[in-house]
Amino acid sequence: MADIKRIGDSENETQHVFVIGSKSIGQYGGYETFVDRLISEHEYDSAIKYHIACKANGDGHMDESHLSPAVTVLKKNPDGSVREFEYKNAHVFKITCPNIGPAVAIYYDRAAVLHSIQYCKEHSIKHPIFYILTCRIGLFIDGLARKIQAIGGKYYLNPDGHEWKRAKWSAPVRKYWKWSEKKMVEKADLVICDSVNIEKYIIEEYNAKSTTFIAYGADVEKTPMSDEDPRFIEWLERNQLKVDDYYLVVGRFVPENNYETMIREFMKSGSKKDFALITNTNEKFLEELDQKLHWRNDPRIKFVGTVYDRDLLKKIRECAYAYFHGHEVGGTNPSLLEALGSTKLNLLLDVGFNREVGENSALYWNKENGNLAALINSADRMDPEDREDFGRKAKERIRKAYSWKFIGDEYRKVWLP
């Protein structure tokens, strides 16, 4: 962790940053990973105080029992559930959301902003920064931006990727996301883009005047977990997997991450290895895939559940033969960076965001019939030294451009110009 000089603890010397849009901390999803690592980098920096919004209920909600080190409970609800807690010196507050389907994301972000504004008033916080992740609340951003400005605050935006392209949304919803993106970019004091491609798009599409590029981060240090660690051995045995004998994917189980293509193509390949999928499975989507692909008839395809132990997850990445990355919507994705920092051979969907990150340290595939299957067969035959070389290049790519220390330092320059 960066050696940060403490500059004092008074309110006047502390920049309060409210981060809104992540469902939780440290669980699956790009923003969830990002928030955890960002507050870790600034945990001992008294010049910055983070306030993190999380969901109290529903899909992807915050379950603080998964966090390590343990949290410090600040407030509880009448039913005994945790409402606010401290984690790595960040103040975390949980927003309870109604069961209103897809619109809950809009409700959640708006409620979190309003809660944060009220918190600033109650605690006399001067010049707060509201950092909103993704562009869901364009319908309300005019009023919210005025309220933020009225308390002396700034509104910064991370537009994520192209939410309006995500397959899960209907045409009317995608139209709203595109309009919402436009509104939120227009009102932002600063747009922070996690991809060079995204920043270029934001400038060209909306003529945005105030933008900056800060990627997500990753690390290349090996996990302290040994090959003989009981946790790792138990995971391998439970899932009938062997070191260096499985392909791996880790990520959210949604259509735009191209699970269908990866599974279909793996089934077409002649690989004798297994394909382990670490994801929070959605039973409806899982059933749809089985009806299309009949993947349950292929013993190589293994949905192995979730892994919240960070050291174990890194060990699993390190011991995979190769890693698949099928994300095609979004900017710089944390799961890709973590794979490049840990796994020797990475097979990435050939889109601009992934090329921008992986450069010549990975192999690339497209969604054409048979393309990925052929790449898998080729990867299986790869000379061990060539595979090692890909691993070295991938780690060097992370060291140069995506270390968490570098990313944390870049955000510090934004918070404390």
Protein backbone atom coordinates (compact mmCIF):
# COMPACT_ATOMS: atom_id res chain seq x y z
CA MET A 1 0.00 0.00 0.00
CA ALA A 2 1.15 3.51 -0.70
CA ASP A 3 3.02 5.27 2.10
CA ILE A 4 0.77 8.29 2.59
CA LYS A 5 1.60 11.22 4.78
CA ARG A 6 -1.19 11.98 7.22
CA ILE A 7 -2.10 15.65 7.11
CA GLY A 8 -4.54 15.97 9.98
CA ASP A 9 -8.00 14.96 11.00
CA SER A 10 -10.09 18.11 11.06
CA GLU A 11 -13.17 18.36 8.86
CA ASN A 12 -11.67 21.31 6.99
CA GLU A 13 -8.68 19.23 5.87
CA THR A 14 -10.68 16.24 4.72
CA GLN A 15 -12.22 15.84 1.28
CA HIS A 16 -15.45 13.85 1.56
CA VAL A 17 -16.22 11.69 -1.46
CA PHE A 18 -19.64 10.02 -1.82
CA VAL A 19 -19.49 7.04 -4.18
CA ILE A 20 -22.89 6.10 -5.60
CA GLY A 21 -23.83 3.32 -8.01
CA SER A 22 -22.08 0.22 -6.70
CA LYS A 23 -24.49 -2.40 -5.34
CA SER A 24 -22.00 -3.59 -2.74
CA ILE A 25 -18.31 -3.72 -1.89
CA GLY A 26 -15.97 -6.48 -2.99
CA GLN A 27 -18.61 -8.77 -4.48
CA TYR A 28 -19.00 -9.64 -8.14
CA GLY A 29 -19.18 -6.80 -10.63
CA GLY A 30 -16.73 -4.21 -11.86
CA TYR A 31 -17.79 -1.36 -9.63
CA GLU A 32 -17.98 -3.59 -6.56
CA THR A 33 -14.35 -4.61 -7.06
CA PHE A 34 -13.27 -1.07 -7.90
CA VAL A 35 -14.80 0.47 -4.78
CA ASP A 36 -13.12 -2.09 -2.52
CA ARG A 37 -9.68 -1.47 -3.99
CA LEU A 38 -10.06 2.31 -4.14
CA ILE A 39 -10.88 2.64 -0.45
CA SER A 40 -8.05 0.20 0.31
CA GLU A 41 -5.53 2.49 -1.39
CA HIS A 42 -6.65 5.49 0.67
CA GLU A 43 -7.45 3.68 3.92
CA TYR A 44 -4.76 5.55 5.87
CA ASP A 45 -5.03 8.88 4.04
CA SER A 46 -6.78 11.30 6.38
CA ALA A 47 -7.14 13.83 3.57
CA ILE A 48 -9.87 11.66 2.00
CA LYS A 49 -13.02 10.27 3.60
CA TYR A 50 -15.15 7.92 1.52
CA HIS A 51 -18.88 7.42 1.96
CA ILE A 52 -20.08 4.38 0.01
CA ALA A 53 -23.70 3.68 -0.92
CA CYS A 54 -24.77 0.01 -1.07
CA LYS A 55 -28.03 -1.84 -1.57
CA ALA A 56 -29.63 -3.23 1.58
CA ASN A 57 -31.75 -5.78 -0.25
CA GLY A 58 -32.42 -7.31 -3.66
CA ASP A 59 -30.07 -8.49 -6.37
CA GLY A 60 -26.39 -7.98 -5.52
CA HIS A 61 -27.12 -6.39 -2.14
CA MET A 62 -24.40 -5.74 0.43
CA ASP A 63 -23.65 -8.69 2.70
CA GLU A 64 -21.02 -7.32 5.06
CA SER A 65 -20.33 -10.79 6.49
CA HIS A 66 -18.23 -11.43 3.37
CA LEU A 67 -15.91 -8.51 4.10
CA SER A 68 -12.50 -8.95 5.63
CA PRO A 69 -11.33 -7.40 7.89
CA ALA A 70 -14.50 -7.29 9.95
CA VAL A 71 -16.67 -4.21 9.80
CA THR A 72 -17.52 -1.82 12.62
CA VAL A 73 -21.29 -1.45 12.92
CA LEU A 74 -22.42 2.16 13.31
CA LYS A 75 -26.22 1.93 13.13
CA LYS A 76 -28.83 -0.82 12.99
CA ASN A 77 -32.42 -0.92 11.75
CA PRO A 78 -35.29 -1.80 14.12
CA ASP A 79 -35.19 -5.39 12.81
CA GLY A 80 -31.54 -5.70 13.84
CA SER A 81 -30.07 -5.54 10.34
CA VAL A 82 -27.05 -3.32 9.73
CA ARG A 83 -27.80 0.11 8.27
CA GLU A 84 -24.39 1.78 8.44
CA PHE A 85 -20.88 0.49 9.09
CA GLU A 86 -17.21 1.41 8.82
CA TYR A 87 -14.92 -0.62 6.56
CA LYS A 88 -11.30 0.26 5.82
CA ASN A 89 -11.99 3.75 7.19
CA ALA A 90 -14.88 4.24 4.74
CA HIS A 91 -18.39 5.05 5.93
CA VAL A 92 -20.82 2.64 4.27
CA PHE A 93 -24.58 3.18 4.23
CA LYS A 94 -27.22 0.79 2.92
CA ILE A 95 -30.29 1.86 0.96
CA THR A 96 -33.44 -0.26 1.16
CA CYS A 97 -35.12 -0.56 -2.24
CA PRO A 98 -38.68 -1.48 -3.23
CA ASN A 99 -39.30 -4.52 -5.43
CA ILE A 100 -40.07 -2.65 -8.67
CA GLY A 101 -38.14 -4.69 -11.22
CA PRO A 102 -35.48 -3.09 -13.46
CA ALA A 103 -36.48 0.44 -12.34
CA VAL A 104 -34.98 -0.35 -8.93
CA ALA A 105 -31.54 0.71 -10.23
CA ILE A 106 -32.86 4.21 -10.90
CA TYR A 107 -34.62 4.34 -7.53
CA TYR A 108 -31.47 3.18 -5.74
CA ASP A 109 -29.11 5.73 -7.28
CA ARG A 110 -31.50 8.64 -6.73
CA ALA A 111 -32.22 7.61 -3.13
CA ALA A 112 -28.49 7.25 -2.44
CA VAL A 113 -27.76 10.75 -3.78
CA LEU A 114 -30.58 12.29 -1.72
CA HIS A 115 -29.42 10.42 1.39
CA SER A 116 -25.88 11.68 0.82
CA ILE A 117 -27.00 15.28 0.39
CA GLN A 118 -28.96 15.07 3.65
CA TYR A 119 -25.95 13.50 5.39
CA CYS A 120 -23.78 16.44 4.28
CA LYS A 121 -26.29 18.90 5.70
CA GLU A 122 -26.58 17.07 9.02
CA HIS A 123 -22.80 16.77 9.43
CA SER A 124 -21.90 20.21 8.02
CA ILE A 125 -19.71 18.70 5.31
CA LYS A 126 -18.29 21.40 3.07
CA HIS A 127 -17.45 20.95 -0.64
CA PRO A 128 -18.29 17.23 -0.96
CA ILE A 129 -17.71 15.32 -4.18
CA PHE A 130 -20.51 13.08 -5.43
CA TYR A 131 -19.00 10.41 -7.66
CA ILE A 132 -21.84 8.68 -9.53
CA LEU A 133 -21.03 5.40 -11.24
CA THR A 134 -22.90 4.86 -14.54
CA CYS A 135 -25.71 6.87 -16.15
CA ARG A 136 -29.02 5.65 -14.77
CA ILE A 137 -30.62 8.76 -13.25
CA GLY A 138 -30.73 11.19 -16.16
CA LEU A 139 -34.43 11.72 -15.47
CA PHE A 140 -33.57 13.32 -12.12
CA ILE A 141 -30.08 14.71 -12.67
CA ASP A 142 -31.15 18.33 -13.25
CA GLY A 143 -32.68 18.59 -9.79
CA LEU A 144 -30.02 16.51 -8.10
CA ALA A 145 -27.20 18.56 -9.65
CA ARG A 146 -28.84 21.75 -8.36
CA LYS A 147 -29.11 20.28 -4.86
CA ILE A 148 -25.45 19.22 -4.95
CA GLN A 149 -24.42 22.67 -6.12
CA ALA A 150 -26.55 24.30 -3.40
CA ILE A 151 -24.47 22.65 -0.64
CA GLY A 152 -21.19 23.57 -2.36
CA GLY A 153 -20.65 20.13 -3.82
CA LYS A 154 -19.34 18.82 -7.13
CA TYR A 155 -20.91 16.11 -9.28
CA TYR A 156 -18.45 13.76 -11.00
CA LEU A 157 -19.54 10.95 -13.31
CA ASN A 158 -18.07 7.62 -14.35
CA PRO A 159 -20.15 6.74 -17.44
CA ASP A 160 -19.05 3.08 -17.41
CA GLY A 161 -19.49 1.53 -20.84
CA HIS A 162 -22.43 1.51 -23.19
CA GLU A 163 -25.28 0.56 -20.85
CA TRP A 164 -27.72 1.22 -23.69
CA LYS A 165 -26.20 -1.67 -25.63
CA ARG A 166 -26.76 -4.33 -22.97
CA ALA A 167 -28.77 -7.27 -24.27
CA LYS A 168 -30.87 -7.61 -21.13
CA TRP A 169 -32.70 -4.34 -21.79
CA SER A 170 -35.72 -3.91 -24.07
CA ALA A 171 -35.58 -1.36 -26.88
CA PRO A 172 -37.46 1.36 -24.90
CA VAL A 173 -35.17 0.87 -21.90
CA ARG A 174 -32.07 1.07 -24.09
CA LYS A 175 -33.42 4.31 -25.56
CA TYR A 176 -33.81 5.69 -22.03
CA TRP A 177 -30.24 4.69 -21.07
CA LYS A 178 -28.85 6.52 -24.10
CA TRP A 179 -30.84 9.65 -23.30
CA SER A 180 -29.88 9.37 -19.62
CA GLU A 181 -26.21 9.12 -20.56
CA LYS A 182 -26.48 12.35 -22.54
CA LYS A 183 -28.19 14.19 -19.67
CA MET A 184 -25.74 13.01 -17.04
CA VAL A 185 -22.67 13.87 -19.11
CA GLU A 186 -24.04 17.35 -19.78
CA LYS A 187 -24.54 18.10 -16.07
CA ALA A 188 -21.28 16.61 -14.75
CA ASP A 189 -18.51 18.83 -13.44
CA LEU A 190 -16.06 16.12 -14.51
CA VAL A 191 -16.44 12.87 -16.45
CA ILE A 192 -13.95 10.19 -15.36
CA CYS A 193 -13.63 7.50 -18.02
CA ASP A 194 -12.09 4.10 -17.30
CA SER A 195 -11.17 3.55 -20.95
CA VAL A 196 -9.46 5.67 -23.59
CA ASN A 197 -12.10 4.46 -26.04
CA ILE A 198 -14.91 5.55 -23.73
CA GLU A 199 -13.36 8.99 -23.20
CA LYS A 200 -13.04 9.44 -26.96
CA TYR A 201 -16.70 8.45 -27.40
CA ILE A 202 -17.89 10.82 -24.64
CA ILE A 203 -16.00 13.76 -26.19
CA GLU A 204 -17.11 13.06 -29.76
CA GLU A 205 -20.73 12.11 -28.96
CA TYR A 206 -21.51 14.86 -26.44
CA ASN A 207 -18.78 17.46 -26.98
CA ALA A 208 -17.84 17.04 -23.31
CA LYS A 209 -15.37 19.70 -22.17
CA SER A 210 -14.17 18.27 -18.85
CA THR A 211 -13.04 14.64 -19.00
CA THR A 212 -10.15 12.56 -17.74
CA PHE A 213 -9.03 8.97 -18.13
CA ILE A 214 -8.40 6.77 -15.08
CA ALA A 215 -8.52 3.02 -15.59
CA TYR A 216 -9.34 0.33 -13.09
CA GLY A 217 -6.42 -1.39 -11.42
CA ALA A 218 -5.01 -4.80 -10.59
CA ASP A 219 -1.92 -6.30 -9.01
CA VAL A 220 0.59 -8.94 -10.07
CA GLU A 221 1.73 -10.24 -6.69
CA LYS A 222 1.21 -13.95 -6.29
CA THR A 223 -1.22 -15.10 -3.66
CA PRO A 224 0.35 -16.24 -0.37
CA MET A 225 -1.75 -19.41 -0.64
CA SER A 226 0.32 -22.54 -1.34
CA ASP A 227 -0.58 -25.43 -3.63
CA GLU A 228 -1.17 -27.53 -0.51
CA ASP A 229 -3.47 -25.08 1.23
CA PRO A 230 -6.55 -27.01 2.44
CA ARG A 231 -8.91 -24.37 1.06
CA PHE A 232 -7.49 -24.75 -2.44
CA ILE A 233 -7.26 -28.53 -2.29
CA GLU A 234 -10.86 -28.77 -1.08
CA TRP A 235 -12.05 -26.46 -3.90
CA LEU A 236 -10.26 -28.55 -6.54
CA GLU A 237 -11.55 -31.85 -5.17
CA ARG A 238 -15.10 -30.62 -4.73
CA ASN A 239 -15.24 -29.48 -8.35
CA GLN A 240 -13.16 -32.37 -9.75
CA LEU A 241 -10.53 -30.04 -11.20
CA LYS A 242 -6.75 -30.27 -11.53
CA VAL A 243 -4.05 -27.59 -11.55
CA ASP A 244 -3.22 -26.36 -15.07
CA ASP A 245 -6.02 -28.49 -16.48
CA TYR A 246 -8.99 -26.12 -16.59
CA TYR A 247 -10.09 -23.05 -18.48
CA LEU A 248 -11.65 -20.38 -16.29
CA VAL A 249 -14.06 -17.47 -16.38
CA VAL A 250 -15.04 -15.21 -13.46
CA GLY A 251 -17.77 -12.63 -13.78
CA ARG A 252 -21.38 -11.64 -13.67
CA PHE A 253 -23.75 -14.11 -15.32
CA VAL A 254 -25.36 -11.83 -17.91
CA PRO A 255 -25.85 -12.25 -21.69
CA GLU A 256 -23.50 -9.45 -22.79
CA ASN A 257 -20.57 -11.28 -21.18
CA ASN A 258 -21.06 -13.94 -23.88
CA TYR A 259 -21.37 -17.04 -21.73
CA GLU A 260 -23.42 -18.64 -24.51
CA THR A 261 -20.62 -18.23 -27.05
CA MET A 262 -17.90 -19.42 -24.66
CA ILE A 263 -19.82 -22.52 -23.60
CA ARG A 264 -20.94 -23.38 -27.14
CA GLU A 265 -17.44 -23.02 -28.55
CA PHE A 266 -15.81 -24.94 -25.71
CA MET A 267 -18.25 -27.78 -26.33
CA LYS A 268 -17.24 -27.73 -30.02
CA SER A 269 -13.54 -27.85 -29.19
CA GLY A 270 -11.57 -31.05 -28.79
CA SER A 271 -10.12 -29.94 -25.45
CA LYS A 272 -9.70 -32.63 -22.79
CA LYS A 273 -9.53 -29.93 -20.11
CA ASP A 274 -12.45 -28.63 -18.05
CA PHE A 275 -14.19 -25.25 -18.22
CA ALA A 276 -14.83 -23.82 -14.73
CA LEU A 277 -17.29 -20.93 -14.46
CA ILE A 278 -17.19 -18.88 -11.25
CA THR A 279 -20.31 -16.76 -11.31
CA ASN A 280 -23.49 -15.89 -9.45
CA THR A 281 -25.75 -18.04 -11.61
CA ASN A 282 -29.22 -16.95 -12.64
CA GLU A 283 -31.40 -20.07 -12.83
CA LYS A 284 -33.58 -18.70 -15.64
CA PHE A 285 -30.59 -17.80 -17.82
CA LEU A 286 -28.92 -21.11 -16.90
CA GLU A 287 -31.97 -23.03 -18.08
CA GLU A 288 -32.15 -21.01 -21.29
CA LEU A 289 -28.53 -21.90 -22.05
CA ASP A 290 -29.15 -25.57 -21.40
CA GLN A 291 -32.13 -25.60 -23.76
CA LYS A 292 -29.99 -24.02 -26.47
CA LEU A 293 -26.69 -25.82 -25.85
CA HIS A 294 -27.45 -28.87 -23.69
CA TRP A 295 -24.31 -28.06 -21.73
CA ARG A 296 -25.35 -30.33 -18.86
CA ASN A 297 -24.53 -33.26 -21.16
CA ASP A 298 -20.88 -32.16 -21.36
CA PRO A 299 -19.01 -33.13 -18.16
CA ARG A 300 -16.28 -30.57 -18.94
CA ILE A 301 -18.63 -27.62 -18.33
CA LYS A 302 -18.66 -26.91 -14.60
CA PHE A 303 -20.55 -24.09 -12.90
CA VAL A 304 -18.66 -24.05 -9.61
CA GLY A 305 -20.48 -21.32 -7.69
CA THR A 306 -18.99 -18.19 -6.17
CA VAL A 307 -15.66 -17.59 -4.40
CA TYR A 308 -15.42 -14.65 -1.99
CA ASP A 309 -12.05 -15.57 -0.47
CA ARG A 310 -9.70 -13.17 -2.32
CA ASP A 311 -6.58 -15.31 -1.84
CA LEU A 312 -8.37 -18.44 -2.97
CA LEU A 313 -9.77 -16.70 -6.04
CA LYS A 314 -6.33 -15.48 -7.02
CA LYS A 315 -4.91 -18.98 -6.52
CA ILE A 316 -7.65 -20.38 -8.77
CA ARG A 317 -6.73 -17.82 -11.45
CA GLU A 318 -3.01 -18.59 -11.14
CA CYS A 319 -3.56 -22.32 -11.53
CA ALA A 320 -5.90 -22.12 -14.53
CA TYR A 321 -4.54 -23.26 -17.87
CA ALA A 322 -6.16 -20.23 -19.53
CA TYR A 323 -8.78 -17.59 -18.89
CA PHE A 324 -11.74 -16.54 -21.06
CA HIS A 325 -12.96 -12.94 -21.16
CA GLY A 326 -16.17 -12.34 -23.08
CA HIS A 327 -17.21 -8.86 -21.96
CA GLU A 328 -18.17 -6.65 -24.88
CA VAL A 329 -20.06 -3.81 -23.17
CA GLY A 330 -18.17 -1.48 -20.86
CA GLY A 331 -14.77 0.01 -20.43
CA THR A 332 -11.79 -1.42 -18.60
CA ASN A 333 -13.12 -4.47 -16.76
CA PRO A 334 -11.59 -5.49 -13.40
CA SER A 335 -11.95 -9.21 -14.04
CA LEU A 336 -9.82 -8.80 -17.17
CA LEU A 337 -7.13 -6.90 -15.30
CA GLU A 338 -7.09 -9.50 -12.52
CA ALA A 339 -6.77 -12.29 -15.08
CA LEU A 340 -3.86 -10.57 -16.84
CA GLY A 341 -2.19 -10.10 -13.48
CA SER A 342 -2.58 -13.76 -12.48
CA THR A 343 -3.26 -16.15 -15.37
CA LYS A 344 -0.60 -17.06 -17.92
CA LEU A 345 -2.78 -17.36 -21.01
CA ASN A 346 -5.78 -15.12 -21.64
CA LEU A 347 -8.28 -15.49 -24.50
CA LEU A 348 -10.18 -12.22 -24.97
CA LEU A 349 -13.19 -11.24 -27.06
CA ASP A 350 -11.84 -9.01 -29.82
CA VAL A 351 -13.41 -5.62 -29.06
CA GLY A 352 -11.71 -2.24 -28.66
CA PHE A 353 -11.94 -2.14 -24.86
CA ASN A 354 -10.20 -5.51 -24.48
CA ARG A 355 -7.54 -4.79 -27.13
CA GLU A 356 -6.79 -1.50 -25.41
CA VAL A 357 -6.00 -3.34 -22.18
CA GLY A 358 -4.48 -6.61 -23.38
CA GLU A 359 -2.47 -5.36 -26.36
CA ASN A 360 -0.03 -8.15 -27.37
CA SER A 361 -0.22 -10.01 -24.05
CA ALA A 362 -3.30 -12.08 -24.95
CA LEU A 363 -4.99 -14.01 -27.77
CA TYR A 364 -8.25 -12.77 -29.30
CA TRP A 365 -11.45 -14.39 -30.57
CA ASN A 366 -14.71 -13.33 -32.16
CA LYS A 367 -18.26 -14.63 -32.10
CA GLU A 368 -18.16 -16.27 -35.51
CA ASN A 369 -19.10 -19.93 -35.52
CA GLY A 370 -16.05 -22.06 -34.78
CA ASN A 371 -13.61 -19.19 -34.17
CA LEU A 372 -13.17 -19.64 -30.42
CA ALA A 373 -13.27 -23.44 -30.69
CA ALA A 374 -10.32 -23.31 -33.09
CA LEU A 375 -8.46 -20.95 -30.71
CA ILE A 376 -9.06 -23.34 -27.80
CA ASN A 377 -7.66 -26.23 -29.81
CA SER A 378 -4.63 -24.12 -30.71
CA ALA A 379 -4.18 -23.02 -27.08
CA ASP A 380 -4.24 -26.64 -25.94
CA ARG A 381 -1.27 -27.36 -28.23
CA MET A 382 0.71 -24.26 -27.27
CA ASP A 383 4.34 -24.73 -26.36
CA PRO A 384 4.74 -24.29 -22.55
CA GLU A 385 7.42 -21.63 -23.00
CA ASP A 386 5.13 -19.61 -25.28
CA ARG A 387 2.41 -19.77 -22.63
CA GLU A 388 4.89 -18.60 -20.00
CA ASP A 389 5.87 -15.73 -22.29
CA PHE A 390 2.25 -14.59 -22.59
CA GLY A 391 2.06 -14.62 -18.79
CA ARG A 392 5.16 -12.45 -18.47
CA LYS A 393 3.86 -9.93 -21.01
CA ALA A 394 0.46 -9.77 -19.31
CA LYS A 395 1.97 -9.03 -15.90
CA GLU A 396 4.24 -6.38 -17.35
CA ARG A 397 1.22 -4.73 -18.98
CA ILE A 398 -0.50 -4.54 -15.58
CA ARG A 399 2.63 -3.21 -13.84
CA LYS A 400 3.04 -0.38 -16.32
CA ALA A 401 -0.51 0.88 -16.68
CA TYR A 402 -2.91 -0.71 -14.21
CA SER A 403 -1.36 -1.08 -10.77
CA TRP A 404 -3.75 -0.18 -7.94
CA LYS A 405 -1.20 2.19 -6.47
CA PHE A 406 -1.04 4.09 -9.76
CA ILE A 407 -4.84 4.19 -10.04
CA GLY A 408 -5.20 5.29 -6.42
CA ASP A 409 -2.66 8.07 -6.96
CA GLU A 410 -4.54 9.24 -10.06
CA TYR A 411 -7.82 9.46 -8.12
CA ARG A 412 -6.07 11.30 -5.30
CA LYS A 413 -5.02 13.98 -7.82
CA VAL A 414 -8.66 14.34 -8.86
CA TRP A 415 -10.03 14.50 -5.30
CA LEU A 416 -7.26 16.84 -4.09
CA PRO A 417 -6.19 18.99 -7.08
